[in-house]
N, C-alpha and C. Protein backbone atom coordinates (compact mmCIF):
# COMPACT_ATOMS: atom_id res chain seq x y z
N MET A 1 30.15 68.57 -14.99
CA MET A 1 28.71 67.87 -14.53
C MET A 1 29.04 66.49 -14.67
N GLU A 2 28.89 66.27 -12.96
CA GLU A 2 28.70 64.74 -13.05
C GLU A 2 27.24 64.05 -13.27
N ILE A 3 27.12 62.88 -13.82
CA ILE A 3 26.24 62.47 -13.93
C ILE A 3 26.25 60.56 -12.95
N THR A 4 25.48 60.94 -12.56
CA THR A 4 25.19 59.68 -11.50
C THR A 4 24.18 58.37 -12.06
N GLY A 5 24.44 57.38 -12.27
CA GLY A 5 23.51 56.64 -12.61
C GLY A 5 22.56 55.78 -11.44
N LYS A 6 21.21 55.31 -11.84
CA LYS A 6 20.78 54.48 -10.86
C LYS A 6 21.16 53.36 -10.26
N LEU A 7 21.35 53.03 -8.74
CA LEU A 7 21.86 51.74 -8.33
C LEU A 7 21.04 50.80 -8.96
N ASN A 8 22.04 49.94 -9.04
CA ASN A 8 21.68 48.63 -9.69
C ASN A 8 21.47 47.40 -8.53
N LYS A 9 20.36 47.15 -8.21
CA LYS A 9 19.93 46.20 -6.84
C LYS A 9 20.22 44.73 -7.14
N LEU A 10 20.59 44.30 -8.36
CA LEU A 10 20.78 43.18 -8.68
C LEU A 10 22.46 42.45 -8.72
N ASP A 11 23.18 43.87 -8.48
CA ASP A 11 25.06 43.66 -8.16
C ASP A 11 25.10 42.90 -6.68
N SER A 12 24.21 42.86 -5.84
CA SER A 12 24.40 42.50 -4.66
C SER A 12 24.31 40.76 -4.83
N LEU A 13 23.74 40.31 -5.73
CA LEU A 13 23.25 38.87 -6.32
C LEU A 13 24.17 38.36 -6.80
N THR A 14 24.21 36.83 -6.37
CA THR A 14 25.19 35.98 -7.53
C THR A 14 24.78 35.38 -8.31
N ARG A 15 25.19 35.31 -9.51
CA ARG A 15 25.36 34.76 -10.70
C ARG A 15 24.02 33.49 -10.45
N GLY A 16 24.46 32.58 -9.25
CA GLY A 16 23.71 31.27 -9.01
C GLY A 16 22.37 31.72 -8.53
N GLU A 17 22.21 32.92 -7.65
CA GLU A 17 20.92 33.28 -7.36
C GLU A 17 20.06 33.44 -8.25
N VAL A 18 20.53 34.40 -9.20
CA VAL A 18 19.55 34.71 -10.40
C VAL A 18 19.31 33.52 -10.89
N ASP A 19 19.93 32.43 -11.58
CA ASP A 19 19.95 31.35 -12.08
C ASP A 19 18.82 30.51 -11.04
N SER A 20 18.85 30.33 -10.03
CA SER A 20 17.91 29.69 -9.16
C SER A 20 16.36 30.62 -9.04
N VAL A 21 16.37 31.62 -9.10
CA VAL A 21 15.16 32.30 -9.28
C VAL A 21 14.47 32.43 -10.36
N LEU A 22 15.54 32.08 -11.91
CA LEU A 22 14.86 32.15 -13.15
C LEU A 22 14.24 30.23 -13.16
N ILE A 23 15.16 29.45 -12.14
CA ILE A 23 14.29 28.09 -12.71
C ILE A 23 13.19 27.83 -11.68
N LYS A 24 13.26 28.43 -10.37
CA LYS A 24 11.93 28.44 -9.52
C LYS A 24 10.82 29.08 -10.51
N ILE A 25 10.82 30.16 -11.10
CA ILE A 25 9.88 30.70 -12.10
C ILE A 25 9.26 29.40 -12.81
N GLY A 26 10.16 28.77 -13.75
CA GLY A 26 9.71 27.83 -14.53
C GLY A 26 8.97 26.44 -13.74
N HIS A 27 9.99 26.16 -12.66
CA HIS A 27 9.36 25.22 -11.68
C HIS A 27 7.92 25.54 -11.15
N ASP A 28 7.54 26.59 -10.37
CA ASP A 28 6.47 26.94 -9.97
C ASP A 28 5.45 27.43 -10.95
N ALA A 29 5.35 27.45 -12.31
CA ALA A 29 4.44 27.79 -13.43
C ALA A 29 4.06 26.34 -14.07
N GLY A 30 5.22 25.30 -13.79
CA GLY A 30 5.11 23.84 -14.47
C GLY A 30 5.29 24.16 -15.62
N MET A 31 6.48 24.83 -16.08
CA MET A 31 6.62 25.01 -17.51
C MET A 31 8.22 25.03 -17.63
N ASP A 32 8.52 24.94 -18.98
CA ASP A 32 10.00 24.67 -19.30
C ASP A 32 10.61 26.33 -18.70
N VAL A 33 11.90 26.00 -18.40
CA VAL A 33 12.20 27.26 -17.82
C VAL A 33 12.36 28.65 -18.55
N LEU A 34 12.81 28.43 -19.93
CA LEU A 34 12.79 29.29 -20.91
C LEU A 34 11.90 29.89 -21.16
N GLU A 35 10.46 29.07 -21.37
CA GLU A 35 9.46 29.17 -21.76
C GLU A 35 8.66 29.90 -20.74
N ALA A 36 8.73 29.88 -19.44
CA ALA A 36 8.50 30.44 -18.49
C ALA A 36 8.86 31.78 -18.47
N ILE A 37 10.02 31.96 -18.52
CA ILE A 37 10.43 33.72 -18.50
C ILE A 37 9.81 34.06 -19.80
N ARG A 38 10.08 33.76 -20.86
CA ARG A 38 9.75 34.54 -21.90
C ARG A 38 8.18 34.83 -21.86
N ALA A 39 7.38 34.08 -21.19
CA ALA A 39 6.02 34.02 -21.04
C ALA A 39 5.51 35.41 -20.04
N TYR A 40 6.67 35.31 -18.98
CA TYR A 40 6.35 36.30 -18.32
C TYR A 40 6.85 37.65 -18.58
N LEU A 41 7.91 37.73 -19.81
CA LEU A 41 8.15 38.92 -20.18
C LEU A 41 7.11 39.66 -21.53
N ARG A 42 6.60 38.20 -21.64
CA ARG A 42 5.03 38.81 -22.87
C ARG A 42 3.94 39.27 -21.61
N GLY A 43 3.97 39.16 -20.66
CA GLY A 43 2.58 39.40 -19.75
C GLY A 43 1.62 38.08 -19.56
N ASP A 44 2.22 36.71 -20.32
CA ASP A 44 0.98 35.90 -20.15
C ASP A 44 1.41 35.01 -19.18
N LEU A 45 2.09 35.09 -17.96
CA LEU A 45 2.64 34.70 -17.42
C LEU A 45 3.00 35.63 -15.88
N ILE A 46 1.69 35.42 -15.20
CA ILE A 46 1.49 36.68 -13.83
C ILE A 46 2.03 35.90 -12.54
N ILE A 47 2.81 36.51 -11.66
CA ILE A 47 3.45 36.02 -10.40
C ILE A 47 2.76 36.61 -9.44
N ARG A 48 2.01 35.53 -8.94
CA ARG A 48 1.41 36.25 -7.63
C ARG A 48 1.75 35.59 -6.31
N PRO A 49 1.69 36.15 -5.04
CA PRO A 49 1.91 35.58 -3.76
C PRO A 49 1.06 34.32 -3.63
N LYS A 50 1.55 33.41 -2.98
CA LYS A 50 0.65 32.12 -2.55
C LYS A 50 -0.31 32.30 -1.75
N GLY A 51 -1.77 32.17 -1.87
CA GLY A 51 -2.78 32.37 -1.09
C GLY A 51 -2.56 32.06 0.32
N LEU A 52 -2.62 32.83 1.58
CA LEU A 52 -2.68 32.70 2.96
C LEU A 52 -3.95 31.90 3.05
N PHE A 53 -3.72 31.06 3.99
CA PHE A 53 -4.70 30.06 4.29
C PHE A 53 -5.48 30.47 5.65
N LEU A 54 -6.44 31.35 5.79
CA LEU A 54 -7.10 31.95 7.21
C LEU A 54 -8.40 31.26 7.25
N LYS A 55 -9.25 31.53 8.42
CA LYS A 55 -10.42 30.92 8.91
C LYS A 55 -11.27 31.97 8.67
N ASN A 56 -12.42 31.82 8.56
CA ASN A 56 -13.54 33.06 8.32
C ASN A 56 -14.51 32.57 10.11
N ASP A 57 -15.23 33.66 9.89
CA ASP A 57 -16.21 33.66 10.74
C ASP A 57 -17.06 31.99 11.41
N ASN A 58 -16.93 31.41 10.12
CA ASN A 58 -17.52 30.27 10.55
C ASN A 58 -16.89 28.92 10.88
N GLY A 59 -15.37 29.40 11.04
CA GLY A 59 -14.32 28.37 11.34
C GLY A 59 -14.01 27.68 9.94
N HIS A 60 -14.43 28.17 8.83
CA HIS A 60 -13.88 27.39 7.74
C HIS A 60 -12.72 28.10 7.03
N HIS A 61 -11.98 26.94 6.39
CA HIS A 61 -10.63 27.85 6.18
C HIS A 61 -10.89 28.56 4.69
N VAL A 62 -10.63 29.69 4.35
CA VAL A 62 -10.63 30.31 3.16
C VAL A 62 -9.34 30.86 2.54
N PHE A 63 -9.09 30.70 1.03
CA PHE A 63 -8.07 31.37 0.57
C PHE A 63 -8.49 32.08 -0.71
N LYS A 64 -7.60 32.77 -1.09
CA LYS A 64 -7.98 33.46 -2.53
C LYS A 64 -7.30 32.36 -4.23
N ILE A 65 -7.76 32.69 -5.04
CA ILE A 65 -7.39 32.39 -6.10
C ILE A 65 -7.57 33.27 -7.64
N PHE A 66 -7.05 32.93 -8.41
CA PHE A 66 -7.38 33.99 -9.53
C PHE A 66 -7.90 33.46 -10.86
N GLY A 67 -8.38 33.89 -11.48
CA GLY A 67 -9.06 32.93 -12.81
C GLY A 67 -7.77 33.18 -14.04
N GLU A 68 -7.96 31.93 -14.93
CA GLU A 68 -7.19 31.88 -15.91
C GLU A 68 -8.01 32.01 -17.55
N ASN A 69 -8.78 31.23 -16.95
CA ASN A 69 -10.05 31.25 -18.53
C ASN A 69 -9.46 30.26 -19.58
N TYR A 70 -8.74 29.23 -18.95
CA TYR A 70 -7.83 28.43 -20.36
C TYR A 70 -9.31 27.27 -20.52
N LEU A 71 -9.08 27.01 -21.80
CA LEU A 71 -9.94 25.88 -22.05
C LEU A 71 -9.69 24.41 -21.48
N GLY A 72 -10.49 23.39 -21.37
CA GLY A 72 -10.19 22.36 -21.01
C GLY A 72 -9.07 21.54 -21.19
N LYS A 73 -8.62 21.54 -22.80
CA LYS A 73 -7.81 20.94 -23.39
C LYS A 73 -6.81 21.88 -23.25
N GLU A 74 -6.60 23.04 -23.01
CA GLU A 74 -5.27 23.61 -22.88
C GLU A 74 -4.92 23.54 -21.30
N GLU A 75 -5.87 23.41 -20.27
CA GLU A 75 -5.65 23.13 -19.29
C GLU A 75 -4.98 21.25 -18.96
N ALA A 76 -5.49 20.49 -19.70
CA ALA A 76 -4.90 19.39 -19.59
C ALA A 76 -3.62 19.43 -20.35
N ASP A 77 -3.20 20.16 -21.46
CA ASP A 77 -2.04 20.24 -22.31
C ASP A 77 -1.12 21.01 -21.22
N ARG A 78 -1.32 22.00 -20.24
CA ARG A 78 -0.45 22.52 -19.40
C ARG A 78 0.00 21.68 -18.06
N ILE A 79 -0.99 20.74 -17.51
CA ILE A 79 -0.72 19.75 -17.10
C ILE A 79 0.34 18.75 -17.49
N ASP A 80 0.30 18.31 -18.68
CA ASP A 80 0.91 17.06 -19.21
C ASP A 80 2.54 17.85 -19.41
N ALA A 81 2.71 19.05 -19.50
CA ALA A 81 3.69 19.97 -19.87
C ALA A 81 4.72 20.11 -18.33
N GLY A 82 4.08 20.30 -17.36
CA GLY A 82 4.44 20.64 -16.20
C GLY A 82 4.52 19.36 -15.10
N ILE A 83 4.90 19.86 -14.19
CA ILE A 83 4.86 18.87 -12.61
C ILE A 83 3.68 18.80 -12.04
N LEU A 84 2.58 19.20 -12.71
CA LEU A 84 1.24 18.76 -11.89
C LEU A 84 0.66 17.50 -12.59
N GLN A 85 -0.07 16.72 -12.00
CA GLN A 85 -0.65 15.52 -11.89
C GLN A 85 -1.87 15.48 -12.32
N MET A 86 -2.91 14.63 -12.62
CA MET A 86 -4.24 14.29 -13.05
C MET A 86 -4.50 12.55 -13.16
N ASN A 87 -5.63 12.36 -12.64
CA ASN A 87 -5.82 10.58 -13.12
C ASN A 87 -6.92 10.86 -14.04
N ILE A 88 -6.68 9.56 -15.00
CA ILE A 88 -7.34 9.34 -15.89
C ILE A 88 -9.12 10.07 -16.44
N GLU A 89 -9.62 9.74 -14.78
CA GLU A 89 -11.07 10.45 -15.38
C GLU A 89 -10.78 12.17 -15.26
N ALA A 90 -10.05 12.60 -14.85
CA ALA A 90 -10.26 14.09 -14.55
C ALA A 90 -9.56 14.58 -15.86
N TYR A 91 -8.70 13.79 -16.65
CA TYR A 91 -8.16 14.28 -17.75
C TYR A 91 -9.18 13.99 -19.08
N GLN A 92 -9.99 13.02 -18.91
CA GLN A 92 -11.40 12.89 -19.72
C GLN A 92 -12.42 14.10 -19.43
N ILE A 93 -12.41 14.47 -18.20
CA ILE A 93 -13.50 15.43 -18.33
C ILE A 93 -13.02 16.95 -19.03
N LEU A 94 -11.43 17.22 -18.97
CA LEU A 94 -11.03 18.37 -19.18
C LEU A 94 -11.03 18.37 -20.81
N ILE A 95 -10.46 16.81 -21.37
CA ILE A 95 -10.71 17.15 -23.19
C ILE A 95 -12.03 16.94 -23.54
N ASN A 96 -12.98 16.53 -22.65
CA ASN A 96 -14.59 16.38 -23.29
C ASN A 96 -15.38 17.83 -23.55
N ASP A 97 -15.92 18.08 -24.86
CA ASP A 97 -16.60 19.28 -25.19
C ASP A 97 -17.52 19.80 -23.74
N ASP A 98 -18.08 18.74 -22.73
CA ASP A 98 -19.00 19.49 -21.92
C ASP A 98 -18.09 20.16 -21.05
N TYR A 99 -16.65 20.13 -20.59
CA TYR A 99 -16.17 21.22 -20.43
C TYR A 99 -15.94 22.34 -20.99
N ASN A 100 -16.84 23.52 -20.76
CA ASN A 100 -16.93 24.41 -21.73
C ASN A 100 -17.08 25.94 -20.85
N LYS A 101 -17.48 26.76 -21.92
CA LYS A 101 -17.15 28.31 -21.02
C LYS A 101 -17.86 28.61 -20.01
N ASN A 102 -18.82 27.61 -19.60
CA ASN A 102 -19.69 27.80 -18.35
C ASN A 102 -19.13 27.17 -17.26
N HIS A 103 -17.89 26.73 -17.69
CA HIS A 103 -17.04 25.91 -16.20
C HIS A 103 -15.74 26.93 -16.00
N LEU A 104 -15.57 28.01 -16.45
CA LEU A 104 -14.44 28.89 -16.71
C LEU A 104 -14.49 29.74 -15.94
N LEU A 105 -13.42 30.58 -15.58
CA LEU A 105 -13.36 31.65 -14.63
C LEU A 105 -13.05 32.87 -15.41
N GLU A 106 -13.92 34.29 -14.91
CA GLU A 106 -12.86 35.26 -15.59
C GLU A 106 -11.50 35.72 -15.42
N GLU A 107 -10.77 36.07 -16.27
CA GLU A 107 -9.41 35.67 -16.26
C GLU A 107 -8.99 37.30 -15.64
N ASP A 108 -7.94 36.81 -14.61
CA ASP A 108 -7.48 37.60 -13.55
C ASP A 108 -8.30 38.00 -12.28
N GLU A 109 -9.69 37.87 -12.70
CA GLU A 109 -10.42 37.89 -11.47
C GLU A 109 -10.25 37.35 -10.20
N GLU A 110 -10.50 37.81 -9.06
CA GLU A 110 -9.99 37.17 -7.83
C GLU A 110 -11.16 36.65 -7.55
N TYR A 111 -10.86 35.27 -6.91
CA TYR A 111 -12.15 34.75 -6.15
C TYR A 111 -11.53 34.05 -5.00
N THR A 112 -12.71 33.86 -4.05
CA THR A 112 -12.54 33.55 -2.51
C THR A 112 -12.90 32.28 -2.58
N ILE A 113 -12.11 31.11 -1.85
CA ILE A 113 -12.72 29.67 -1.76
C ILE A 113 -12.52 29.47 -0.39
N VAL A 114 -13.72 28.63 -0.15
CA VAL A 114 -14.10 28.01 1.39
C VAL A 114 -14.21 26.71 1.54
N LEU A 115 -13.54 26.16 2.33
CA LEU A 115 -13.71 24.48 2.65
C LEU A 115 -14.53 24.36 3.85
N VAL A 116 -15.62 23.49 3.48
CA VAL A 116 -16.44 22.81 4.16
C VAL A 116 -16.22 21.57 5.03
N PRO A 117 -15.50 20.96 6.03
CA PRO A 117 -15.23 19.57 6.64
C PRO A 117 -16.87 18.85 5.98
N SER A 118 -16.49 17.94 5.79
CA SER A 118 -17.63 16.83 5.42
C SER A 118 -18.28 16.42 6.41
N ASP A 119 -17.37 16.35 7.64
CA ASP A 119 -18.09 15.95 9.04
C ASP A 119 -19.09 16.86 9.50
N GLU A 120 -19.07 17.95 8.98
CA GLU A 120 -20.16 18.71 9.57
C GLU A 120 -21.40 18.48 9.07
N ILE A 121 -21.90 17.93 7.94
CA ILE A 121 -23.04 17.78 7.35
C ILE A 121 -23.77 16.17 7.41
N THR A 122 -24.90 16.70 8.19
CA THR A 122 -25.55 15.79 9.03
C THR A 122 -26.27 14.99 8.16
N GLU A 123 -26.95 13.83 8.23
CA GLU A 123 -27.83 13.27 7.33
C GLU A 123 -29.20 14.00 7.15
N GLY A 124 -29.51 13.91 6.12
CA GLY A 124 -30.90 14.42 5.69
C GLY A 124 -30.59 15.72 4.77
N ARG A 125 -29.15 16.09 4.77
CA ARG A 125 -29.08 17.66 4.20
C ARG A 125 -28.16 17.24 3.28
N THR A 126 -28.57 17.86 1.85
CA THR A 126 -27.27 17.51 1.16
C THR A 126 -26.25 18.64 1.38
N VAL A 127 -25.24 18.59 0.41
CA VAL A 127 -24.11 19.04 0.52
C VAL A 127 -24.17 20.96 -0.08
N GLU A 128 -25.24 20.87 -1.14
CA GLU A 128 -25.50 22.56 -1.41
C GLU A 128 -26.09 22.94 -0.41
N GLU A 129 -26.92 22.02 0.17
CA GLU A 129 -27.94 22.93 0.98
C GLU A 129 -27.20 23.50 2.31
N TYR A 130 -26.41 22.49 2.52
CA TYR A 130 -25.39 23.10 3.78
C TYR A 130 -24.59 24.32 3.73
N GLY A 131 -24.18 23.98 2.64
CA GLY A 131 -23.17 25.29 1.77
C GLY A 131 -23.62 26.35 1.77
N LEU A 132 -25.25 26.52 1.10
CA LEU A 132 -26.06 27.39 1.14
C LEU A 132 -26.50 28.20 2.40
N SER A 133 -26.73 27.64 3.61
CA SER A 133 -26.98 27.60 4.74
C SER A 133 -26.15 28.97 5.57
N PHE A 134 -24.66 28.80 5.11
CA PHE A 134 -23.60 30.06 5.04
C PHE A 134 -23.39 31.11 4.22
N ASN A 135 -24.41 30.89 2.80
CA ASN A 135 -24.34 31.52 1.98
C ASN A 135 -23.49 31.59 0.93
N TYR A 136 -22.79 30.32 0.91
CA TYR A 136 -22.11 29.71 0.32
C TYR A 136 -22.30 29.36 -1.31
N GLN A 137 -21.30 29.77 -2.41
CA GLN A 137 -21.97 29.04 -3.27
C GLN A 137 -21.20 28.14 -4.48
N LYS A 138 -21.93 27.49 -5.21
CA LYS A 138 -21.30 26.78 -6.02
C LYS A 138 -20.32 27.38 -6.89
N MET A 139 -19.17 26.75 -7.09
CA MET A 139 -17.78 27.17 -7.84
C MET A 139 -18.08 26.83 -9.32
N ARG A 140 -17.32 27.27 -10.15
CA ARG A 140 -17.10 26.95 -11.42
C ARG A 140 -15.58 25.86 -11.14
N ALA A 141 -15.72 24.99 -12.26
CA ALA A 141 -14.87 23.60 -12.20
C ALA A 141 -13.08 24.34 -12.39
N GLU A 142 -13.06 25.43 -13.28
CA GLU A 142 -11.51 25.95 -13.39
C GLU A 142 -11.21 26.21 -12.14
N ALA A 143 -12.21 26.19 -10.90
CA ALA A 143 -11.43 26.83 -9.50
C ALA A 143 -10.45 26.00 -8.83
N VAL A 144 -11.33 24.52 -9.41
CA VAL A 144 -10.33 23.47 -8.90
C VAL A 144 -9.05 23.31 -9.23
N LEU A 145 -8.83 23.77 -10.48
CA LEU A 145 -7.31 23.86 -11.32
C LEU A 145 -6.24 24.74 -10.63
N ARG A 146 -7.37 25.80 -10.11
CA ARG A 146 -6.23 27.03 -9.66
C ARG A 146 -6.16 26.53 -8.37
N MET A 147 -6.88 25.79 -7.52
CA MET A 147 -6.45 25.82 -6.30
C MET A 147 -5.26 24.23 -6.27
N GLN A 148 -5.67 23.76 -7.52
CA GLN A 148 -3.90 22.56 -7.35
C GLN A 148 -2.86 23.42 -7.61
N GLU A 149 -3.05 24.62 -7.87
CA GLU A 149 -1.69 25.33 -8.17
C GLU A 149 -1.21 25.65 -6.94
N ILE A 150 -2.35 26.00 -5.65
CA ILE A 150 -1.87 26.56 -4.53
C ILE A 150 -1.64 25.66 -3.59
N VAL A 151 -2.90 24.52 -3.23
CA VAL A 151 -2.94 23.91 -2.06
C VAL A 151 -1.92 23.02 -2.11
N THR A 152 -0.77 22.63 -1.55
CA THR A 152 0.29 21.79 -1.37
C THR A 152 -0.30 20.35 -0.87
N GLN A 153 0.16 19.27 -0.56
CA GLN A 153 -0.23 18.32 0.04
C GLN A 153 0.43 18.44 1.51
N LYS A 154 1.20 19.06 1.66
CA LYS A 154 1.63 19.31 3.18
C LYS A 154 0.64 20.47 3.80
N GLN A 155 -0.04 21.43 2.99
CA GLN A 155 -1.01 22.52 3.52
C GLN A 155 -2.70 21.44 3.75
N MET A 156 -2.67 20.65 2.93
CA MET A 156 -3.69 19.95 3.08
C MET A 156 -3.63 18.95 4.11
N LYS A 157 -2.81 18.42 4.60
CA LYS A 157 -2.46 17.63 5.56
C LYS A 157 -2.65 18.47 7.02
N LYS A 158 -2.19 19.75 6.83
CA LYS A 158 -2.39 20.33 7.97
C LYS A 158 -3.73 20.62 8.20
N MET A 159 -4.37 21.22 7.34
CA MET A 159 -5.82 21.40 7.36
C MET A 159 -6.65 20.43 7.75
N GLY A 160 -6.22 18.96 7.88
CA GLY A 160 -7.01 17.58 8.30
C GLY A 160 -7.64 16.86 7.21
N PHE A 161 -7.58 17.48 5.63
CA PHE A 161 -7.96 17.01 4.77
C PHE A 161 -7.42 15.77 4.15
N SER A 162 -7.95 14.92 3.50
CA SER A 162 -7.08 13.88 2.16
C SER A 162 -7.72 14.21 0.77
N ASP A 163 -8.94 14.78 0.97
CA ASP A 163 -9.11 15.02 -0.55
C ASP A 163 -10.32 16.41 -0.13
N ILE A 164 -10.15 17.24 -1.38
CA ILE A 164 -11.16 18.42 -1.74
C ILE A 164 -12.19 18.36 -2.77
N MET A 165 -13.32 18.41 -2.82
CA MET A 165 -14.18 18.03 -4.10
C MET A 165 -14.99 19.46 -4.32
N GLY A 166 -14.78 19.69 -5.30
CA GLY A 166 -15.22 21.12 -5.97
C GLY A 166 -16.79 21.07 -5.98
N VAL A 167 -17.49 21.74 -5.55
CA VAL A 167 -18.98 21.86 -5.73
C VAL A 167 -19.32 22.73 -6.79
N HIS A 168 -19.50 22.04 -7.87
CA HIS A 168 -19.78 22.71 -9.18
C HIS A 168 -20.51 21.96 -9.84
N MET A 169 -21.23 22.50 -11.12
CA MET A 169 -22.11 21.58 -12.22
C MET A 169 -21.11 20.54 -12.45
N PRO A 170 -22.24 19.38 -12.31
CA PRO A 170 -21.21 17.87 -12.78
C PRO A 170 -20.86 18.14 -14.46
N ILE A 171 -19.53 17.46 -14.39
CA ILE A 171 -19.24 17.73 -15.81
C ILE A 171 -19.05 15.96 -16.39
N SER A 172 -19.61 15.72 -17.48
CA SER A 172 -19.53 14.52 -17.93
C SER A 172 -17.71 14.11 -18.77
N THR A 173 -17.48 12.71 -18.77
CA THR A 173 -16.35 12.25 -19.12
C THR A 173 -16.62 11.56 -20.67
N LEU A 174 -15.56 10.94 -21.11
CA LEU A 174 -15.95 10.79 -22.61
C LEU A 174 -16.74 9.36 -22.57
N ARG A 175 -16.79 9.03 -21.53
CA ARG A 175 -17.91 7.57 -21.52
C ARG A 175 -18.91 7.95 -20.83
N GLY A 176 -19.75 9.17 -20.84
CA GLY A 176 -20.91 9.61 -20.11
C GLY A 176 -21.25 9.65 -18.66
N ASP A 177 -19.90 9.32 -17.94
CA ASP A 177 -20.23 9.64 -16.34
C ASP A 177 -20.40 11.08 -15.79
N PHE A 178 -21.09 11.34 -15.05
CA PHE A 178 -20.69 12.75 -14.50
C PHE A 178 -19.86 12.70 -13.09
N TYR A 179 -18.71 13.87 -12.94
CA TYR A 179 -18.32 13.64 -12.19
C TYR A 179 -18.27 15.35 -11.66
N SER A 180 -17.45 15.42 -10.59
CA SER A 180 -16.78 16.84 -10.31
C SER A 180 -15.06 16.74 -9.88
N LEU A 181 -14.57 17.42 -10.24
CA LEU A 181 -13.05 17.99 -10.05
C LEU A 181 -12.88 18.07 -8.67
N GLY A 182 -11.95 17.59 -8.33
CA GLY A 182 -11.49 17.55 -6.93
C GLY A 182 -9.74 17.17 -6.83
N LEU A 183 -9.51 17.43 -5.67
CA LEU A 183 -7.64 17.51 -5.42
C LEU A 183 -7.77 16.07 -4.26
N SER A 184 -6.62 15.62 -4.43
CA SER A 184 -6.13 14.63 -3.32
C SER A 184 -5.08 14.20 -2.85
N ARG A 185 -4.61 14.11 -1.88
CA ARG A 185 -3.16 14.08 -1.35
C ARG A 185 -2.94 12.72 -1.34
N CYS A 186 -2.00 12.55 -2.16
CA CYS A 186 -1.45 11.52 -2.81
C CYS A 186 -0.01 11.00 -2.81
N ASN A 187 0.13 9.95 -2.07
CA ASN A 187 2.02 10.14 -2.05
C ASN A 187 2.65 9.67 -3.02
N SER A 188 1.94 8.98 -4.51
CA SER A 188 2.66 9.16 -5.63
C SER A 188 3.13 10.29 -6.08
N VAL A 189 2.57 11.38 -5.76
CA VAL A 189 2.58 12.45 -6.68
C VAL A 189 3.54 13.14 -5.78
N GLY A 190 4.30 12.97 -4.60
CA GLY A 190 5.41 13.48 -3.89
C GLY A 190 5.06 14.23 -2.71
N ASP A 191 5.90 15.10 -2.47
CA ASP A 191 5.66 15.90 -1.32
C ASP A 191 5.00 17.28 -1.57
N GLU A 192 4.58 17.80 -2.93
CA GLU A 192 4.52 19.02 -3.07
C GLU A 192 2.96 19.02 -3.30
N HIS A 193 2.66 18.86 -4.98
CA HIS A 193 1.30 19.03 -5.37
C HIS A 193 0.57 17.93 -5.40
N CYS A 194 -0.80 18.54 -5.31
CA CYS A 194 -2.13 17.11 -5.14
C CYS A 194 -2.22 16.77 -6.13
N LEU A 195 -2.99 15.55 -6.29
CA LEU A 195 -3.42 14.90 -7.77
C LEU A 195 -4.67 15.53 -7.83
N LEU A 196 -4.85 15.79 -9.09
CA LEU A 196 -5.83 16.33 -9.52
C LEU A 196 -7.24 15.14 -10.19
N GLY A 197 -8.52 14.87 -9.44
CA GLY A 197 -9.44 13.65 -9.74
C GLY A 197 -10.67 14.28 -10.04
N ALA A 198 -11.26 12.92 -10.10
CA ALA A 198 -12.56 13.05 -10.36
C ALA A 198 -13.53 12.34 -9.65
N TYR A 199 -14.31 13.07 -8.70
CA TYR A 199 -15.27 12.53 -7.46
C TYR A 199 -16.83 12.33 -8.09
N SER A 200 -17.16 11.06 -7.62
CA SER A 200 -18.76 11.02 -8.09
C SER A 200 -19.56 11.90 -7.06
N ARG A 201 -20.75 12.68 -8.06
CA ARG A 201 -21.56 13.23 -7.23
C ARG A 201 -22.58 12.76 -6.46
N THR A 202 -22.35 11.24 -5.71
CA THR A 202 -23.23 10.40 -4.96
C THR A 202 -22.40 10.86 -3.59
N TYR A 203 -22.24 11.61 -2.58
CA TYR A 203 -21.42 11.83 -1.40
C TYR A 203 -21.49 10.70 -0.70
N ASP A 204 -20.62 10.15 -0.22
CA ASP A 204 -20.72 8.79 0.70
C ASP A 204 -20.34 9.66 2.07
N SER A 205 -21.33 9.31 3.33
CA SER A 205 -20.74 10.10 4.36
C SER A 205 -19.65 9.01 5.01
N GLN A 206 -19.12 7.88 4.62
CA GLN A 206 -18.17 7.56 5.06
C GLN A 206 -16.86 7.95 4.66
N TRP A 207 -16.86 8.89 3.68
CA TRP A 207 -15.66 9.30 3.59
C TRP A 207 -14.81 10.13 4.76
N ASN A 208 -13.92 9.75 4.52
CA ASN A 208 -13.35 10.24 5.85
C ASN A 208 -12.21 11.87 5.47
N ASN A 209 -12.06 12.76 6.55
CA ASN A 209 -11.31 13.86 6.22
C ASN A 209 -11.21 14.37 4.71
N LEU A 210 -12.72 14.65 4.36
CA LEU A 210 -13.09 15.23 2.90
C LEU A 210 -13.47 16.50 3.24
N ALA A 211 -13.21 17.29 2.37
CA ALA A 211 -13.97 18.73 2.23
C ALA A 211 -14.23 19.49 1.07
N PHE A 212 -15.51 20.21 1.12
CA PHE A 212 -16.35 20.62 0.18
C PHE A 212 -15.92 22.17 -0.17
N ALA A 213 -15.25 22.32 -1.18
CA ALA A 213 -14.94 23.44 -2.20
C ALA A 213 -16.48 24.47 -2.37
N PHE A 214 -16.48 25.56 -2.03
CA PHE A 214 -17.42 26.45 -2.35
C PHE A 214 -16.88 28.16 -2.71
N PHE A 215 -17.60 28.59 -3.59
CA PHE A 215 -17.15 30.19 -3.59
C PHE A 215 -17.64 30.61 -2.03
N ALA A 216 -16.91 31.74 -1.50
CA ALA A 216 -17.58 32.38 -0.76
C ALA A 216 -18.43 33.31 -1.27
N PRO A 217 -19.40 33.74 -0.32
CA PRO A 217 -20.31 34.92 -0.51
C PRO A 217 -19.42 35.97 -1.51
N GLY A 218 -20.31 36.59 -2.45
CA GLY A 218 -19.76 37.66 -3.30
C GLY A 218 -18.98 37.02 -4.64
N ASP A 219 -18.34 35.85 -4.77
CA ASP A 219 -17.86 35.31 -5.99
C ASP A 219 -18.97 34.45 -6.92
């Protein structure tokens, strides 16, 4: 009796190609390569396709993120250990107890982010009021961390933004100042990832190329 085995689809790959894939998993996860591979095998690291940046019926850019439900100190440790970067104010927010479960997303839950250009908001209207006119909702702060993993500096430039500020409940730094988390297109970080920063809740209409990030309806 002839016994035939299943075709090994990896036979067509070179050792170098396999190594490149494994290294890229670690790079994209912002982790040590071996740590990332082991996390993936344990099910702690989930690989998803990068979100597509489309426009909704209002002409606003939208894309998907997924919740991780990490505490602020865990987020800070992950950034320190990986290739992402943050400024001191963002770091102070993440390690402060004020960054609590109220700011976290549901693990593996899908959320739709919508970006509203600041130049659409006329004087006399708050950012929140303008967002609500489209039925957009305040996000949770963790969403900005997940956005940093997806939105590259190249993509932000393509959309015409220099900064993206998350519209969420303000969070205190260790000094007692209240800020919102956001992303900045900063040359010092390189060509790939945006800088995680903290933004004053006092919106200045003179800011150029700024976008406000909300949850789309239903999220």
